[in-house]
N, C-alpha and C. Protein backbone atom coordinates (compact mmCIF):
# COMPACT_ATOMS: atom_id res chain seq x y z
N UNK A 1 44.58 59.05 27.00
CA UNK A 1 45.05 58.14 25.96
C UNK A 1 45.64 56.85 26.56
N UNK A 2 46.41 57.01 27.65
CA UNK A 2 47.00 55.84 28.29
C UNK A 2 45.91 54.90 28.78
N UNK A 3 44.88 55.46 29.39
CA UNK A 3 43.79 54.64 29.92
C UNK A 3 43.00 53.98 28.81
N UNK A 4 42.62 54.75 27.79
CA UNK A 4 41.79 54.19 26.71
C UNK A 4 42.50 53.06 25.99
N UNK A 5 43.78 53.25 25.65
CA UNK A 5 44.48 52.21 24.91
C UNK A 5 44.77 51.00 25.80
N UNK A 6 45.03 51.22 27.09
CA UNK A 6 45.25 50.11 28.02
C UNK A 6 44.00 49.24 28.13
N UNK A 7 42.85 49.87 28.35
CA UNK A 7 41.63 49.08 28.50
C UNK A 7 41.16 48.49 27.17
N UNK A 8 41.56 49.12 26.06
CA UNK A 8 41.29 48.50 24.75
C UNK A 8 42.04 47.18 24.64
N UNK A 9 43.29 47.17 25.10
CA UNK A 9 44.10 45.95 25.05
C UNK A 9 43.51 44.86 25.94
N UNK A 10 43.26 45.20 27.21
CA UNK A 10 42.85 44.16 28.14
C UNK A 10 41.47 43.59 27.79
N UNK A 11 40.51 44.44 27.51
CA UNK A 11 39.17 43.94 27.19
C UNK A 11 39.12 43.26 25.84
N UNK A 12 39.81 43.83 24.85
CA UNK A 12 39.83 43.22 23.53
C UNK A 12 40.48 41.85 23.53
N UNK A 13 41.60 41.72 24.24
CA UNK A 13 42.29 40.43 24.27
C UNK A 13 41.49 39.36 24.98
N UNK A 14 40.84 39.73 26.07
CA UNK A 14 40.02 38.72 26.77
C UNK A 14 38.96 38.14 25.84
N UNK A 15 38.33 39.01 25.06
CA UNK A 15 37.30 38.53 24.14
C UNK A 15 37.90 37.66 23.04
N UNK A 16 39.03 38.09 22.49
CA UNK A 16 39.66 37.36 21.39
C UNK A 16 40.12 35.97 21.83
N UNK A 17 40.67 35.88 23.03
CA UNK A 17 41.12 34.58 23.55
C UNK A 17 39.95 33.61 23.61
N UNK A 18 38.84 34.07 24.15
CA UNK A 18 37.66 33.21 24.28
C UNK A 18 37.09 32.86 22.91
N UNK A 19 37.07 33.83 21.99
CA UNK A 19 36.58 33.55 20.63
C UNK A 19 37.41 32.47 19.96
N UNK A 20 38.75 32.57 20.07
CA UNK A 20 39.60 31.59 19.42
C UNK A 20 39.37 30.19 19.99
N UNK A 21 39.21 30.12 21.30
CA UNK A 21 38.98 28.81 21.91
C UNK A 21 37.64 28.22 21.50
N UNK A 22 36.62 29.07 21.43
CA UNK A 22 35.29 28.55 21.11
C UNK A 22 35.07 28.35 19.62
N UNK A 23 35.50 29.31 18.80
CA UNK A 23 35.26 29.20 17.35
C UNK A 23 36.33 28.36 16.66
N UNK A 24 37.58 28.49 17.11
CA UNK A 24 38.66 27.76 16.44
C UNK A 24 38.83 26.34 16.94
N UNK A 25 38.72 26.16 18.26
CA UNK A 25 38.95 24.83 18.84
C UNK A 25 37.66 24.16 19.32
N UNK A 26 36.56 24.87 19.27
CA UNK A 26 35.26 24.35 19.74
C UNK A 26 35.33 23.91 21.20
N UNK A 27 36.11 24.66 21.99
CA UNK A 27 36.20 24.42 23.42
C UNK A 27 34.89 24.85 24.08
N UNK A 28 34.52 24.17 25.15
CA UNK A 28 33.30 24.53 25.87
C UNK A 28 33.42 25.89 26.53
N UNK A 29 32.28 26.45 26.89
CA UNK A 29 32.24 27.78 27.49
C UNK A 29 33.01 27.82 28.81
N UNK A 30 32.86 26.79 29.63
CA UNK A 30 33.53 26.77 30.93
C UNK A 30 35.05 26.74 30.76
N UNK A 31 35.53 25.87 29.90
CA UNK A 31 36.99 25.78 29.69
C UNK A 31 37.53 27.08 29.10
N UNK A 32 36.79 27.66 28.17
CA UNK A 32 37.23 28.93 27.57
C UNK A 32 37.30 30.02 28.62
N UNK A 33 36.29 30.09 29.47
CA UNK A 33 36.29 31.11 30.51
C UNK A 33 37.39 30.89 31.53
N UNK A 34 37.60 29.63 31.93
CA UNK A 34 38.63 29.33 32.94
C UNK A 34 40.04 29.55 32.40
N UNK A 35 40.20 29.62 31.10
CA UNK A 35 41.51 29.92 30.53
C UNK A 35 41.99 31.29 30.99
N UNK A 36 41.06 32.17 31.30
CA UNK A 36 41.43 33.51 31.76
C UNK A 36 41.75 33.55 33.26
N UNK A 37 41.63 32.43 33.97
CA UNK A 37 41.89 32.42 35.41
C UNK A 37 43.32 32.84 35.76
N UNK A 38 44.36 32.38 35.02
CA UNK A 38 45.72 32.86 35.36
C UNK A 38 45.85 34.38 35.22
N UNK A 39 45.18 34.94 34.22
CA UNK A 39 45.17 36.39 34.03
C UNK A 39 44.59 37.05 35.28
N UNK A 40 43.42 36.56 35.73
CA UNK A 40 42.76 37.13 36.91
C UNK A 40 43.62 36.99 38.16
N UNK A 41 44.27 35.83 38.31
CA UNK A 41 45.13 35.62 39.48
C UNK A 41 46.31 36.59 39.46
N UNK A 42 46.95 36.74 38.31
CA UNK A 42 48.06 37.69 38.20
C UNK A 42 47.61 39.11 38.48
N UNK A 43 46.45 39.47 37.97
CA UNK A 43 45.90 40.80 38.19
C UNK A 43 45.67 41.06 39.68
N UNK A 44 45.09 40.08 40.37
CA UNK A 44 44.80 40.24 41.79
C UNK A 44 46.08 40.41 42.61
N UNK A 45 47.06 39.54 42.36
CA UNK A 45 48.31 39.59 43.13
C UNK A 45 49.05 40.91 42.87
N UNK A 46 49.18 41.29 41.61
CA UNK A 46 49.93 42.50 41.28
C UNK A 46 49.21 43.76 41.73
N UNK A 47 47.89 43.78 41.67
CA UNK A 47 47.14 44.96 42.14
C UNK A 47 47.37 45.17 43.63
N UNK A 48 47.34 44.07 44.39
CA UNK A 48 47.59 44.20 45.82
C UNK A 48 49.01 44.69 46.07
N UNK A 49 49.98 44.08 45.40
CA UNK A 49 51.38 44.47 45.61
C UNK A 49 51.62 45.92 45.20
N UNK A 50 51.04 46.32 44.07
CA UNK A 50 51.22 47.70 43.61
C UNK A 50 50.58 48.69 44.57
N UNK A 51 49.34 48.42 44.97
CA UNK A 51 48.65 49.35 45.86
C UNK A 51 49.26 49.43 47.23
N UNK A 52 49.71 48.29 47.78
CA UNK A 52 50.22 48.26 49.14
C UNK A 52 51.69 48.65 49.24
N UNK A 53 52.48 48.32 48.22
CA UNK A 53 53.93 48.50 48.35
C UNK A 53 54.56 49.36 47.24
N UNK A 54 54.28 49.01 45.99
CA UNK A 54 55.05 49.60 44.90
C UNK A 54 54.70 51.04 44.61
N UNK A 55 53.40 51.35 44.52
CA UNK A 55 53.02 52.73 44.21
C UNK A 55 53.43 53.69 45.33
N UNK A 56 53.21 53.36 46.63
CA UNK A 56 53.69 54.27 47.66
C UNK A 56 55.21 54.48 47.63
N UNK A 57 55.94 53.47 47.19
CA UNK A 57 57.40 53.59 47.19
C UNK A 57 57.96 54.19 45.90
N UNK A 58 57.42 53.76 44.75
CA UNK A 58 58.01 54.15 43.47
C UNK A 58 57.14 55.11 42.66
N UNK A 59 55.91 55.35 43.09
CA UNK A 59 55.05 56.32 42.42
C UNK A 59 54.74 55.96 40.98
N UNK A 60 54.82 56.98 40.12
CA UNK A 60 54.42 56.81 38.72
C UNK A 60 55.29 55.81 37.95
N UNK A 61 56.48 55.49 38.47
CA UNK A 61 57.35 54.56 37.75
C UNK A 61 56.76 53.15 37.67
N UNK A 62 55.76 52.89 38.51
CA UNK A 62 55.10 51.59 38.44
C UNK A 62 54.28 51.44 37.16
N UNK A 63 53.81 52.56 36.58
CA UNK A 63 53.01 52.48 35.35
C UNK A 63 53.78 51.88 34.18
N UNK A 64 54.93 52.45 33.79
CA UNK A 64 55.66 51.83 32.67
C UNK A 64 56.14 50.42 32.99
N UNK A 65 56.44 50.15 34.25
CA UNK A 65 56.81 48.79 34.62
C UNK A 65 55.66 47.83 34.32
N UNK A 66 54.46 48.21 34.73
CA UNK A 66 53.29 47.37 34.47
C UNK A 66 53.06 47.15 32.98
N UNK A 67 53.21 48.21 32.19
CA UNK A 67 53.01 48.07 30.75
C UNK A 67 54.10 47.21 30.12
N UNK A 68 55.33 47.32 30.63
CA UNK A 68 56.42 46.47 30.11
C UNK A 68 56.15 45.01 30.42
N UNK A 69 55.65 44.72 31.63
CA UNK A 69 55.32 43.34 31.99
C UNK A 69 54.18 42.83 31.13
N UNK A 70 53.16 43.67 30.94
CA UNK A 70 52.03 43.29 30.06
C UNK A 70 52.53 42.99 28.65
N UNK A 71 53.41 43.84 28.15
CA UNK A 71 53.97 43.64 26.80
C UNK A 71 54.74 42.33 26.72
N UNK A 72 55.49 42.00 27.76
CA UNK A 72 56.22 40.73 27.81
C UNK A 72 55.25 39.56 27.75
N UNK A 73 54.16 39.64 28.52
CA UNK A 73 53.16 38.58 28.51
C UNK A 73 52.50 38.43 27.15
N UNK A 74 52.19 39.56 26.50
CA UNK A 74 51.57 39.50 25.18
C UNK A 74 52.50 38.87 24.15
N UNK A 75 53.78 39.21 24.21
CA UNK A 75 54.75 38.61 23.29
C UNK A 75 54.93 37.12 23.57
N UNK A 76 54.90 36.75 24.86
CA UNK A 76 54.97 35.32 25.21
C UNK A 76 53.74 34.58 24.70
N UNK A 77 52.57 35.23 24.74
CA UNK A 77 51.36 34.61 24.22
C UNK A 77 51.46 34.40 22.71
N UNK A 78 52.01 35.38 22.00
CA UNK A 78 52.20 35.22 20.56
C UNK A 78 53.11 34.02 20.28
N UNK A 79 54.19 33.90 21.06
CA UNK A 79 55.10 32.76 20.89
C UNK A 79 54.39 31.44 21.19
N UNK A 80 53.55 31.44 22.22
CA UNK A 80 52.81 30.21 22.55
C UNK A 80 51.85 29.83 21.44
N UNK A 81 51.17 30.82 20.88
CA UNK A 81 50.26 30.55 19.77
C UNK A 81 51.02 30.09 18.52
N UNK A 82 52.20 30.68 18.29
CA UNK A 82 52.97 30.34 17.10
C UNK A 82 53.39 28.88 17.08
N UNK A 83 53.67 28.34 18.27
CA UNK A 83 54.13 26.94 18.34
C UNK A 83 53.00 25.97 18.66
N UNK A 84 51.78 26.47 18.79
CA UNK A 84 50.66 25.61 19.20
C UNK A 84 50.16 24.76 18.04
N UNK A 85 49.64 23.60 18.38
CA UNK A 85 48.93 22.76 17.42
C UNK A 85 47.56 23.40 17.19
N UNK A 86 47.19 23.69 15.94
CA UNK A 86 45.91 24.37 15.68
C UNK A 86 44.69 23.61 16.20
N UNK A 87 44.83 22.32 16.45
CA UNK A 87 43.68 21.53 16.89
C UNK A 87 43.73 21.17 18.37
N UNK A 88 44.74 21.65 19.11
CA UNK A 88 44.89 21.28 20.52
C UNK A 88 44.80 22.52 21.41
N UNK A 89 44.37 22.30 22.64
CA UNK A 89 44.28 23.39 23.62
C UNK A 89 45.67 23.96 23.87
N UNK A 90 45.85 25.28 23.80
CA UNK A 90 47.19 25.87 23.93
C UNK A 90 47.61 26.05 25.38
N UNK A 91 47.98 24.98 26.06
CA UNK A 91 48.37 25.05 27.47
C UNK A 91 49.52 26.02 27.75
N UNK A 92 50.54 26.16 26.86
CA UNK A 92 51.61 27.13 27.14
C UNK A 92 51.12 28.58 27.19
N UNK A 93 49.90 28.83 26.72
CA UNK A 93 49.34 30.17 26.78
C UNK A 93 49.09 30.61 28.23
N UNK A 94 48.79 29.66 29.12
CA UNK A 94 48.36 30.01 30.47
C UNK A 94 49.39 30.81 31.25
N UNK A 95 50.69 30.42 31.28
CA UNK A 95 51.66 31.27 31.98
C UNK A 95 51.78 32.66 31.36
N UNK A 96 51.68 32.73 30.04
CA UNK A 96 51.76 34.04 29.37
C UNK A 96 50.61 34.94 29.82
N UNK A 97 49.42 34.36 29.97
CA UNK A 97 48.28 35.15 30.42
C UNK A 97 48.44 35.60 31.87
N UNK A 98 49.10 34.78 32.68
CA UNK A 98 49.39 35.19 34.06
C UNK A 98 50.30 36.42 34.07
N UNK A 99 51.27 36.46 33.16
CA UNK A 99 52.17 37.61 33.06
C UNK A 99 51.41 38.84 32.58
N UNK A 100 50.50 38.67 31.62
CA UNK A 100 49.66 39.79 31.18
C UNK A 100 48.87 40.34 32.37
N UNK A 101 48.31 39.45 33.18
CA UNK A 101 47.56 39.88 34.36
C UNK A 101 48.43 40.62 35.35
N UNK A 102 49.65 40.14 35.56
CA UNK A 102 50.58 40.85 36.45
C UNK A 102 50.84 42.27 35.96
N UNK A 103 51.04 42.41 34.66
CA UNK A 103 51.28 43.74 34.10
C UNK A 103 50.08 44.66 34.27
N UNK A 104 48.89 44.12 34.01
CA UNK A 104 47.68 44.93 34.18
C UNK A 104 47.50 45.34 35.64
N UNK A 105 47.81 44.41 36.55
CA UNK A 105 47.67 44.71 37.97
C UNK A 105 48.68 45.74 38.47
N UNK A 106 49.85 45.78 37.89
CA UNK A 106 50.84 46.80 38.26
C UNK A 106 50.45 48.17 37.72
N UNK A 107 49.92 48.20 36.51
CA UNK A 107 49.60 49.48 35.88
C UNK A 107 48.41 50.18 36.52
N UNK A 108 47.34 49.45 36.78
CA UNK A 108 46.06 50.09 37.13
C UNK A 108 46.12 50.93 38.41
N UNK A 109 46.60 50.41 39.56
CA UNK A 109 46.63 51.27 40.75
C UNK A 109 47.51 52.50 40.57
N UNK A 110 48.63 52.32 39.87
CA UNK A 110 49.53 53.46 39.64
C UNK A 110 48.85 54.51 38.77
N UNK A 111 48.17 54.06 37.72
CA UNK A 111 47.51 55.01 36.83
C UNK A 111 46.48 55.85 37.57
N UNK A 112 45.59 55.18 38.32
CA UNK A 112 44.53 55.92 39.00
C UNK A 112 45.09 56.81 40.10
N UNK A 113 46.16 56.39 40.75
CA UNK A 113 46.79 57.24 41.76
C UNK A 113 47.36 58.50 41.13
N UNK A 114 48.09 58.33 40.03
CA UNK A 114 48.70 59.48 39.35
C UNK A 114 47.63 60.39 38.78
N UNK A 115 46.58 59.81 38.20
CA UNK A 115 45.54 60.62 37.57
C UNK A 115 44.75 61.44 38.59
N UNK A 116 44.54 60.90 39.78
CA UNK A 116 43.68 61.57 40.76
C UNK A 116 44.45 62.38 41.80
N UNK A 117 45.75 62.18 41.92
CA UNK A 117 46.53 62.85 42.97
C UNK A 117 46.45 64.38 42.93
N UNK A 118 46.54 65.02 41.75
CA UNK A 118 46.58 66.49 41.78
C UNK A 118 45.24 67.16 42.08
N UNK A 119 44.17 66.40 42.19
CA UNK A 119 42.84 66.99 42.31
C UNK A 119 42.48 67.34 43.74
N UNK A 120 41.62 68.35 43.87
CA UNK A 120 41.07 68.67 45.18
C UNK A 120 39.98 67.66 45.52
N UNK A 121 39.70 67.46 46.81
CA UNK A 121 38.73 66.43 47.20
C UNK A 121 37.38 66.56 46.51
N UNK A 122 36.90 67.79 46.29
CA UNK A 122 35.60 67.96 45.67
C UNK A 122 35.61 67.66 44.17
N UNK A 123 36.79 67.49 43.59
CA UNK A 123 36.89 67.19 42.16
C UNK A 123 37.02 65.69 41.88
N UNK A 124 37.31 64.91 42.91
CA UNK A 124 37.65 63.50 42.70
C UNK A 124 36.46 62.71 42.14
N UNK A 125 35.25 62.98 42.63
CA UNK A 125 34.08 62.25 42.14
C UNK A 125 33.87 62.45 40.65
N UNK A 126 33.93 63.70 40.20
CA UNK A 126 33.74 63.98 38.77
C UNK A 126 34.86 63.37 37.94
N UNK A 127 36.09 63.48 38.44
CA UNK A 127 37.23 62.94 37.70
C UNK A 127 37.14 61.42 37.61
N UNK A 128 36.71 60.77 38.70
CA UNK A 128 36.57 59.31 38.67
C UNK A 128 35.51 58.90 37.67
N UNK A 129 34.43 59.66 37.60
CA UNK A 129 33.39 59.37 36.60
C UNK A 129 33.92 59.52 35.18
N UNK A 130 34.72 60.55 34.95
CA UNK A 130 35.30 60.76 33.62
C UNK A 130 36.28 59.63 33.28
N UNK A 131 37.09 59.24 34.25
CA UNK A 131 38.02 58.13 34.01
C UNK A 131 37.27 56.84 33.71
N UNK A 132 36.16 56.62 34.40
CA UNK A 132 35.35 55.44 34.12
C UNK A 132 34.78 55.48 32.70
N UNK A 133 34.35 56.65 32.26
CA UNK A 133 33.82 56.78 30.90
C UNK A 133 34.91 56.49 29.86
N UNK A 134 36.11 56.99 30.11
CA UNK A 134 37.23 56.73 29.19
C UNK A 134 37.58 55.24 29.19
N UNK A 135 37.53 54.63 30.38
CA UNK A 135 37.77 53.19 30.50
C UNK A 135 36.77 52.41 29.67
N UNK A 136 35.50 52.78 29.76
CA UNK A 136 34.45 52.08 29.00
C UNK A 136 34.62 52.30 27.49
N UNK A 137 35.01 53.53 27.12
CA UNK A 137 35.27 53.81 25.70
C UNK A 137 36.41 52.95 25.18
N UNK A 138 37.50 52.89 25.95
CA UNK A 138 38.63 52.06 25.54
C UNK A 138 38.25 50.60 25.42
N UNK A 139 37.47 50.10 26.39
CA UNK A 139 37.03 48.70 26.34
C UNK A 139 36.20 48.44 25.10
N UNK A 140 35.30 49.36 24.79
CA UNK A 140 34.44 49.21 23.61
C UNK A 140 35.27 49.19 22.33
N UNK A 141 36.22 50.13 22.23
CA UNK A 141 37.07 50.18 21.05
C UNK A 141 37.94 48.93 20.93
N UNK A 142 38.43 48.44 22.07
CA UNK A 142 39.26 47.24 22.04
C UNK A 142 38.50 46.03 21.55
N UNK A 143 37.28 45.86 22.05
CA UNK A 143 36.45 44.74 21.59
C UNK A 143 36.17 44.88 20.11
N UNK A 144 35.86 46.11 19.66
CA UNK A 144 35.53 46.33 18.25
C UNK A 144 36.75 46.12 17.35
N UNK A 145 37.89 46.71 17.71
CA UNK A 145 39.07 46.66 16.85
C UNK A 145 39.72 45.27 16.88
N UNK A 146 40.05 44.78 18.07
CA UNK A 146 40.72 43.48 18.13
C UNK A 146 39.78 42.36 17.71
N UNK A 147 38.49 42.49 18.05
CA UNK A 147 37.52 41.50 17.59
C UNK A 147 37.40 41.48 16.09
N UNK A 148 37.42 42.66 15.46
CA UNK A 148 37.35 42.73 14.00
C UNK A 148 38.59 42.14 13.35
N UNK A 149 39.75 42.43 13.93
CA UNK A 149 40.99 41.86 13.40
C UNK A 149 40.91 40.33 13.43
N UNK A 150 40.48 39.80 14.58
CA UNK A 150 40.40 38.34 14.71
C UNK A 150 39.37 37.75 13.74
N UNK A 151 38.15 38.27 13.76
CA UNK A 151 37.08 37.67 12.95
C UNK A 151 37.35 37.80 11.46
N UNK A 152 37.93 38.94 11.04
CA UNK A 152 38.22 39.11 9.61
C UNK A 152 39.30 38.12 9.17
N UNK A 153 40.34 37.95 10.00
CA UNK A 153 41.43 37.06 9.61
C UNK A 153 41.03 35.59 9.71
N UNK A 154 40.19 35.26 10.70
CA UNK A 154 39.80 33.85 10.88
C UNK A 154 38.83 33.41 9.79
N UNK A 155 37.85 34.26 9.50
CA UNK A 155 36.85 33.91 8.49
C UNK A 155 36.29 32.52 8.72
N UNK A 156 35.98 31.81 7.65
CA UNK A 156 35.51 30.42 7.79
C UNK A 156 36.64 29.41 7.63
N UNK A 157 37.88 29.83 7.90
CA UNK A 157 39.05 29.02 7.56
C UNK A 157 39.38 27.88 8.49
N UNK A 158 38.66 27.69 9.57
CA UNK A 158 38.94 26.57 10.47
C UNK A 158 39.98 26.88 11.52
N UNK A 159 40.49 25.82 12.16
CA UNK A 159 41.36 25.96 13.31
C UNK A 159 42.67 26.67 12.98
N UNK A 160 43.28 26.36 11.84
CA UNK A 160 44.56 26.98 11.49
C UNK A 160 44.39 28.48 11.25
N UNK A 161 43.33 28.86 10.55
CA UNK A 161 43.07 30.28 10.31
C UNK A 161 42.76 31.00 11.62
N UNK A 162 42.05 30.34 12.52
CA UNK A 162 41.74 30.93 13.82
C UNK A 162 43.00 31.18 14.63
N UNK A 163 43.93 30.24 14.57
CA UNK A 163 45.19 30.39 15.29
C UNK A 163 46.02 31.54 14.72
N UNK A 164 46.03 31.66 13.41
CA UNK A 164 46.72 32.79 12.77
C UNK A 164 46.05 34.10 13.15
N UNK A 165 44.72 34.12 13.18
CA UNK A 165 43.97 35.34 13.47
C UNK A 165 44.22 35.83 14.88
N UNK A 166 44.29 34.91 15.85
CA UNK A 166 44.51 35.34 17.23
C UNK A 166 45.91 35.94 17.39
N UNK A 167 46.87 35.44 16.62
CA UNK A 167 48.21 36.04 16.66
C UNK A 167 48.18 37.46 16.11
N UNK A 168 47.42 37.69 15.04
CA UNK A 168 47.29 39.04 14.49
C UNK A 168 46.65 39.99 15.51
N UNK A 169 45.65 39.50 16.21
CA UNK A 169 44.99 40.32 17.23
C UNK A 169 45.97 40.67 18.35
N UNK A 170 46.78 39.70 18.77
CA UNK A 170 47.77 39.97 19.81
C UNK A 170 48.82 40.95 19.32
N UNK A 171 49.22 40.86 18.06
CA UNK A 171 50.18 41.84 17.53
C UNK A 171 49.59 43.24 17.53
N UNK A 172 48.31 43.34 17.20
CA UNK A 172 47.64 44.65 17.27
C UNK A 172 47.61 45.15 18.70
N UNK A 173 47.40 44.24 19.66
CA UNK A 173 47.39 44.63 21.07
C UNK A 173 48.77 45.10 21.52
N UNK A 174 49.82 44.48 20.98
CA UNK A 174 51.17 44.94 21.30
C UNK A 174 51.36 46.39 20.85
N UNK A 175 50.87 46.72 19.66
CA UNK A 175 50.97 48.10 19.17
C UNK A 175 50.20 49.06 20.09
N UNK A 176 49.02 48.66 20.52
CA UNK A 176 48.23 49.50 21.43
C UNK A 176 48.92 49.65 22.78
N UNK A 177 49.61 48.61 23.23
CA UNK A 177 50.33 48.69 24.50
C UNK A 177 51.49 49.68 24.40
N UNK A 178 52.16 49.70 23.26
CA UNK A 178 53.23 50.67 23.05
C UNK A 178 52.66 52.09 23.09
N UNK A 179 51.48 52.29 22.50
CA UNK A 179 50.82 53.60 22.56
C UNK A 179 50.54 53.97 24.02
N UNK A 180 50.06 53.01 24.81
CA UNK A 180 49.82 53.25 26.24
C UNK A 180 51.10 53.65 26.95
N UNK A 181 52.18 52.97 26.61
CA UNK A 181 53.46 53.25 27.25
C UNK A 181 53.93 54.67 26.94
N UNK A 182 53.82 55.07 25.70
CA UNK A 182 54.21 56.44 25.31
C UNK A 182 53.31 57.46 26.01
N UNK A 183 52.01 57.20 26.03
CA UNK A 183 51.07 58.13 26.69
C UNK A 183 51.33 58.21 28.19
N UNK A 184 51.67 57.08 28.82
CA UNK A 184 51.96 57.08 30.25
C UNK A 184 53.22 57.89 30.54
N UNK A 185 54.22 57.79 29.67
CA UNK A 185 55.45 58.57 29.86
C UNK A 185 55.16 60.07 29.72
N UNK A 186 54.30 60.42 28.77
CA UNK A 186 53.92 61.83 28.60
C UNK A 186 53.12 62.33 29.81
N UNK A 187 52.27 61.47 30.34
CA UNK A 187 51.42 61.83 31.47
C UNK A 187 52.24 62.11 32.72
N UNK A 188 53.36 61.44 32.88
CA UNK A 188 54.18 61.57 34.09
C UNK A 188 55.47 62.33 33.83
N UNK A 189 55.47 63.18 32.83
CA UNK A 189 56.71 63.85 32.44
C UNK A 189 57.15 64.97 33.35
N UNK A 190 56.27 65.47 34.24
CA UNK A 190 56.62 66.60 35.09
C UNK A 190 57.63 66.23 36.16
N UNK A 191 58.39 67.21 36.67
CA UNK A 191 59.41 66.92 37.67
C UNK A 191 58.83 66.44 38.99
N UNK A 192 57.58 66.84 39.29
CA UNK A 192 56.99 66.44 40.55
C UNK A 192 56.25 65.11 40.46
N UNK A 193 56.22 64.52 39.27
CA UNK A 193 55.41 63.32 39.09
C UNK A 193 55.93 62.13 39.88
N UNK A 194 57.22 62.09 40.15
CA UNK A 194 57.76 60.91 40.83
C UNK A 194 57.56 60.91 42.33
N UNK A 195 57.18 62.06 42.91
CA UNK A 195 57.04 62.09 44.35
C UNK A 195 55.67 61.64 44.77
N UNK A 196 55.62 60.89 45.84
CA UNK A 196 54.35 60.39 46.37
C UNK A 196 54.13 61.04 47.71
N UNK A 197 52.98 61.69 47.85
CA UNK A 197 52.68 62.34 49.12
C UNK A 197 51.74 61.48 49.91
């Protein structure tokens, strides 16, 4: 559940951001795609830090930290959209997306480490395949659900409706992130979960 809802958030939001820029603001494909660059940069930096330093030291506690950072970034994005001019490129969104990327980068290495740690070596391949399938399912559901929220709310209403719709999609993503947080806490509830071998 933690994995499916997490990947629903990340994949769904990436699509919604690009849709709003292209359909609401008529931004070019290159500019819309490059808007996600701060997200990617944050993801890269945090993944390295989590894998090299944080997960070996703090174990499963890195998962809720990552989700809390992601949640902070999503709320900052909602605030950026709320104050944005419906007809102008939302530049304040970029730092918020960097924070979302940082959160995603903190969560992912910790999640896969915790999920695969209890397995015997001969089970890891099958488990990794199952985790990949759940990841793809979550991504598909995120694109479908958050995309539907955005497209239904935006309709043919123009830039202002598109701006309102992207905020609704981000609010839905916040709810999904809370579900991920609860599921991650349940996943790591055992007394041995905090130890890293």
